[in-house]
N, C-alpha and C. Protein backbone atom coordinates (compact mmCIF):
# COMPACT_ATOMS: atom_id res chain seq x y z
N UNK A 1 62.89 114.37 73.97
CA UNK A 1 63.36 113.11 73.42
C UNK A 1 64.06 112.31 74.52
N UNK A 2 63.82 111.03 74.54
CA UNK A 2 64.41 110.15 75.54
C UNK A 2 65.82 109.79 75.10
N UNK A 3 66.78 109.98 75.99
CA UNK A 3 68.17 109.66 75.68
C UNK A 3 68.50 108.20 75.95
N UNK A 4 67.54 107.42 76.40
CA UNK A 4 67.76 106.00 76.70
C UNK A 4 67.29 105.15 75.51
N UNK A 5 68.05 104.09 75.24
CA UNK A 5 67.63 103.13 74.22
C UNK A 5 67.84 101.72 74.77
N UNK A 6 67.13 100.79 74.21
CA UNK A 6 67.26 99.39 74.61
C UNK A 6 67.95 98.65 73.47
N UNK A 7 69.03 97.94 73.83
CA UNK A 7 69.74 97.16 72.83
C UNK A 7 69.91 95.74 73.36
N UNK A 8 70.19 94.82 72.45
CA UNK A 8 70.48 93.44 72.81
C UNK A 8 71.94 93.17 72.49
N UNK A 9 72.67 92.75 73.50
CA UNK A 9 74.07 92.40 73.31
C UNK A 9 74.23 90.89 73.35
N UNK A 10 74.97 90.36 72.39
CA UNK A 10 75.26 88.94 72.41
C UNK A 10 76.65 88.76 73.01
N UNK A 11 76.68 88.05 74.12
CA UNK A 11 77.93 87.76 74.80
C UNK A 11 77.92 86.29 75.16
N UNK A 12 78.93 85.58 74.69
CA UNK A 12 79.09 84.16 75.02
C UNK A 12 77.83 83.35 74.71
N UNK A 13 77.33 83.47 73.50
CA UNK A 13 76.18 82.70 73.02
C UNK A 13 74.88 82.99 73.75
N UNK A 14 74.80 84.07 74.47
CA UNK A 14 73.57 84.50 75.13
C UNK A 14 73.28 85.94 74.77
N UNK A 15 72.02 86.30 74.83
CA UNK A 15 71.62 87.68 74.53
C UNK A 15 71.21 88.38 75.81
N UNK A 16 71.64 89.62 75.93
CA UNK A 16 71.36 90.41 77.12
C UNK A 16 70.72 91.73 76.71
N UNK A 17 69.43 91.91 77.03
CA UNK A 17 68.81 93.20 76.74
C UNK A 17 69.21 94.20 77.82
N UNK A 18 69.71 95.34 77.39
CA UNK A 18 70.09 96.38 78.35
C UNK A 18 69.58 97.73 77.87
N UNK A 19 69.30 98.58 78.82
CA UNK A 19 68.89 99.95 78.52
C UNK A 19 70.06 100.85 78.87
N UNK A 20 70.45 101.65 77.89
CA UNK A 20 71.63 102.49 78.05
C UNK A 20 71.35 103.90 77.53
N UNK A 21 72.24 104.80 77.84
CA UNK A 21 72.18 106.12 77.23
C UNK A 21 72.55 105.99 75.75
N UNK A 22 71.87 106.73 74.93
CA UNK A 22 72.08 106.65 73.49
C UNK A 22 73.55 106.86 73.12
N UNK A 23 74.22 107.77 73.78
CA UNK A 23 75.61 108.07 73.44
C UNK A 23 76.60 106.99 73.90
N UNK A 24 76.12 105.98 74.63
CA UNK A 24 76.98 104.89 75.09
C UNK A 24 76.88 103.64 74.20
N UNK A 25 76.02 103.68 73.21
CA UNK A 25 75.77 102.48 72.41
C UNK A 25 77.04 101.91 71.77
N UNK A 26 77.80 102.76 71.13
CA UNK A 26 79.01 102.28 70.46
C UNK A 26 79.98 101.63 71.45
N UNK A 27 80.15 102.27 72.60
CA UNK A 27 81.04 101.73 73.63
C UNK A 27 80.55 100.37 74.14
N UNK A 28 79.26 100.26 74.39
CA UNK A 28 78.70 99.00 74.90
C UNK A 28 78.85 97.87 73.88
N UNK A 29 78.59 98.18 72.63
CA UNK A 29 78.72 97.15 71.58
C UNK A 29 80.18 96.75 71.40
N UNK A 30 81.09 97.70 71.49
CA UNK A 30 82.52 97.38 71.37
C UNK A 30 82.98 96.55 72.56
N UNK A 31 82.48 96.84 73.75
CA UNK A 31 82.84 96.05 74.93
C UNK A 31 82.40 94.60 74.76
N UNK A 32 81.17 94.41 74.30
CA UNK A 32 80.67 93.04 74.06
C UNK A 32 81.51 92.34 73.00
N UNK A 33 81.87 93.07 71.96
CA UNK A 33 82.70 92.51 70.90
C UNK A 33 84.05 92.06 71.45
N UNK A 34 84.66 92.89 72.30
CA UNK A 34 85.96 92.54 72.88
C UNK A 34 85.87 91.30 73.76
N UNK A 35 84.79 91.19 74.53
CA UNK A 35 84.60 89.99 75.36
C UNK A 35 84.51 88.76 74.47
N UNK A 36 83.72 88.85 73.40
CA UNK A 36 83.57 87.70 72.51
C UNK A 36 84.86 87.34 71.79
N UNK A 37 85.66 88.34 71.43
CA UNK A 37 86.94 88.06 70.79
C UNK A 37 87.85 87.28 71.74
N UNK A 38 87.95 87.75 72.97
CA UNK A 38 88.81 87.07 73.95
C UNK A 38 88.26 85.67 74.28
N UNK A 39 86.95 85.58 74.42
CA UNK A 39 86.33 84.29 74.71
C UNK A 39 86.61 83.29 73.59
N UNK A 40 86.46 83.71 72.35
CA UNK A 40 86.72 82.82 71.23
C UNK A 40 88.18 82.40 71.16
N UNK A 41 89.08 83.30 71.52
CA UNK A 41 90.50 82.95 71.55
C UNK A 41 90.76 81.88 72.61
N UNK A 42 90.17 82.04 73.78
CA UNK A 42 90.32 81.03 74.83
C UNK A 42 89.66 79.70 74.41
N UNK A 43 88.53 79.77 73.74
CA UNK A 43 87.86 78.55 73.26
C UNK A 43 88.77 77.78 72.31
N UNK A 44 89.47 78.49 71.46
CA UNK A 44 90.38 77.84 70.51
C UNK A 44 91.56 77.19 71.22
N UNK A 45 92.05 77.86 72.23
CA UNK A 45 93.26 77.38 72.91
C UNK A 45 92.94 76.31 73.94
N UNK A 46 91.83 76.45 74.65
CA UNK A 46 91.45 75.50 75.71
C UNK A 46 90.12 74.83 75.33
N UNK A 47 90.16 73.95 74.38
CA UNK A 47 88.94 73.36 73.82
C UNK A 47 88.18 72.48 74.81
N UNK A 48 88.84 71.95 75.81
CA UNK A 48 88.17 71.03 76.73
C UNK A 48 87.56 71.71 77.96
N UNK A 49 87.81 73.00 78.15
CA UNK A 49 87.29 73.69 79.34
C UNK A 49 85.82 74.05 79.19
N UNK A 50 85.11 74.03 80.32
CA UNK A 50 83.71 74.41 80.33
C UNK A 50 83.57 75.91 80.07
N UNK A 51 82.45 76.33 79.51
CA UNK A 51 82.24 77.75 79.20
C UNK A 51 82.39 78.66 80.42
N UNK A 52 81.97 78.19 81.60
CA UNK A 52 82.07 79.02 82.81
C UNK A 52 83.52 79.33 83.14
N UNK A 53 84.40 78.35 82.95
CA UNK A 53 85.81 78.57 83.24
C UNK A 53 86.44 79.52 82.22
N UNK A 54 86.02 79.39 80.97
CA UNK A 54 86.52 80.29 79.94
C UNK A 54 86.10 81.73 80.22
N UNK A 55 84.85 81.90 80.62
CA UNK A 55 84.35 83.24 80.95
C UNK A 55 85.11 83.81 82.15
N UNK A 56 85.40 82.96 83.12
CA UNK A 56 86.18 83.41 84.28
C UNK A 56 87.56 83.87 83.85
N UNK A 57 88.17 83.17 82.90
CA UNK A 57 89.49 83.55 82.41
C UNK A 57 89.43 84.91 81.68
N UNK A 58 88.38 85.12 80.91
CA UNK A 58 88.19 86.40 80.21
C UNK A 58 88.02 87.52 81.24
N UNK A 59 87.20 87.28 82.24
CA UNK A 59 86.98 88.30 83.28
C UNK A 59 88.28 88.61 84.00
N UNK A 60 89.06 87.60 84.28
CA UNK A 60 90.35 87.81 84.94
C UNK A 60 91.28 88.65 84.07
N UNK A 61 91.33 88.34 82.78
CA UNK A 61 92.21 89.08 81.88
C UNK A 61 91.80 90.56 81.81
N UNK A 62 90.49 90.82 81.70
CA UNK A 62 90.04 92.22 81.67
C UNK A 62 90.33 92.93 82.99
N UNK A 63 90.16 92.23 84.10
CA UNK A 63 90.45 92.82 85.40
C UNK A 63 91.92 93.17 85.51
N UNK A 64 92.77 92.28 85.07
CA UNK A 64 94.21 92.52 85.12
C UNK A 64 94.58 93.73 84.26
N UNK A 65 94.01 93.82 83.07
CA UNK A 65 94.28 94.97 82.19
C UNK A 65 93.80 96.27 82.83
N UNK A 66 92.64 96.22 83.46
CA UNK A 66 92.08 97.39 84.13
C UNK A 66 93.01 97.86 85.26
N UNK A 67 93.50 96.93 86.05
CA UNK A 67 94.40 97.28 87.16
C UNK A 67 95.70 97.87 86.64
N UNK A 68 96.23 97.35 85.56
CA UNK A 68 97.46 97.90 84.98
C UNK A 68 97.22 99.33 84.52
N UNK A 69 96.08 99.59 83.91
CA UNK A 69 95.77 100.95 83.47
C UNK A 69 95.63 101.90 84.65
N UNK A 70 95.03 101.43 85.72
CA UNK A 70 94.90 102.27 86.92
C UNK A 70 96.26 102.63 87.48
N UNK A 71 97.16 101.65 87.53
CA UNK A 71 98.51 101.91 88.05
C UNK A 71 99.24 102.90 87.16
N UNK A 72 99.07 102.75 85.86
CA UNK A 72 99.76 103.64 84.93
C UNK A 72 99.24 105.07 85.04
N UNK A 73 97.96 105.21 85.37
CA UNK A 73 97.36 106.53 85.48
C UNK A 73 97.42 107.11 86.89
N UNK A 74 98.07 106.42 87.81
CA UNK A 74 98.18 106.90 89.18
C UNK A 74 99.21 108.01 89.24
N UNK A 75 98.76 109.22 89.50
CA UNK A 75 99.66 110.37 89.53
C UNK A 75 100.16 110.69 90.93
N UNK A 76 99.73 109.92 91.92
CA UNK A 76 100.11 110.16 93.31
C UNK A 76 101.61 110.28 93.53
N UNK A 77 102.41 109.32 93.07
CA UNK A 77 103.85 109.42 93.29
C UNK A 77 104.46 110.67 92.66
N UNK A 78 103.96 111.07 91.50
CA UNK A 78 104.48 112.26 90.84
C UNK A 78 104.10 113.52 91.61
N UNK A 79 102.88 113.55 92.08
CA UNK A 79 102.42 114.70 92.86
C UNK A 79 103.25 114.85 94.12
N UNK A 80 103.51 113.75 94.79
CA UNK A 80 104.33 113.78 96.01
C UNK A 80 105.73 114.30 95.71
N UNK A 81 106.32 113.83 94.61
CA UNK A 81 107.67 114.27 94.25
C UNK A 81 107.69 115.75 93.90
N UNK A 82 106.67 116.22 93.19
CA UNK A 82 106.59 117.65 92.85
C UNK A 82 106.47 118.48 94.11
N UNK A 83 105.66 118.04 95.07
CA UNK A 83 105.53 118.77 96.33
C UNK A 83 106.85 118.80 97.08
N UNK A 84 107.56 117.70 97.08
CA UNK A 84 108.85 117.63 97.75
C UNK A 84 109.85 118.59 97.09
N UNK A 85 109.90 118.60 95.78
CA UNK A 85 110.82 119.50 95.07
C UNK A 85 110.43 120.96 95.27
N UNK A 86 109.13 121.23 95.31
CA UNK A 86 108.66 122.60 95.55
C UNK A 86 109.13 123.08 96.92
N UNK A 87 109.00 122.23 97.92
CA UNK A 87 109.47 122.59 99.27
C UNK A 87 110.97 122.86 99.28
N UNK A 88 111.72 122.02 98.57
CA UNK A 88 113.17 122.21 98.51
C UNK A 88 113.51 123.55 97.86
N UNK A 89 112.82 123.89 96.78
CA UNK A 89 113.06 125.17 96.10
C UNK A 89 112.68 126.35 96.99
N UNK A 90 111.57 126.23 97.68
CA UNK A 90 111.15 127.30 98.58
C UNK A 90 112.18 127.51 99.69
N UNK A 91 112.68 126.45 100.25
CA UNK A 91 113.70 126.54 101.30
C UNK A 91 114.98 127.16 100.74
N UNK A 92 115.35 126.78 99.53
CA UNK A 92 116.56 127.31 98.92
C UNK A 92 116.44 128.83 98.72
N UNK A 93 115.30 129.27 98.17
CA UNK A 93 115.15 130.69 97.90
C UNK A 93 114.95 131.51 99.17
N UNK A 94 114.43 130.91 100.24
CA UNK A 94 114.32 131.62 101.52
C UNK A 94 115.70 131.87 102.12
N UNK A 95 116.61 130.95 101.87
CA UNK A 95 117.95 131.06 102.44
C UNK A 95 118.79 132.15 101.80
N UNK A 96 118.44 132.58 100.63
CA UNK A 96 119.24 133.62 99.96
C UNK A 96 118.78 135.01 100.28
């Protein structure tokens, strides 16, 4: 059985045929829905802007949210602190 399916997503008054893994369908449809929700909100607030500018604003907002999530999930500083504390404990126990 083929795990790929072809779906049509409507985003910003256009249809986009895409081929995806069957198990990604719900995610892809929800992503398109979220884009349209944000786009419609911008359309309501900025009625005089061209569609291209509205889409750019939506893309910017999603990019900003993505970057915030990446920063929140960055474990680097915690790992460094744990390593530092581990070294301090090792030094302490070697001294006794």
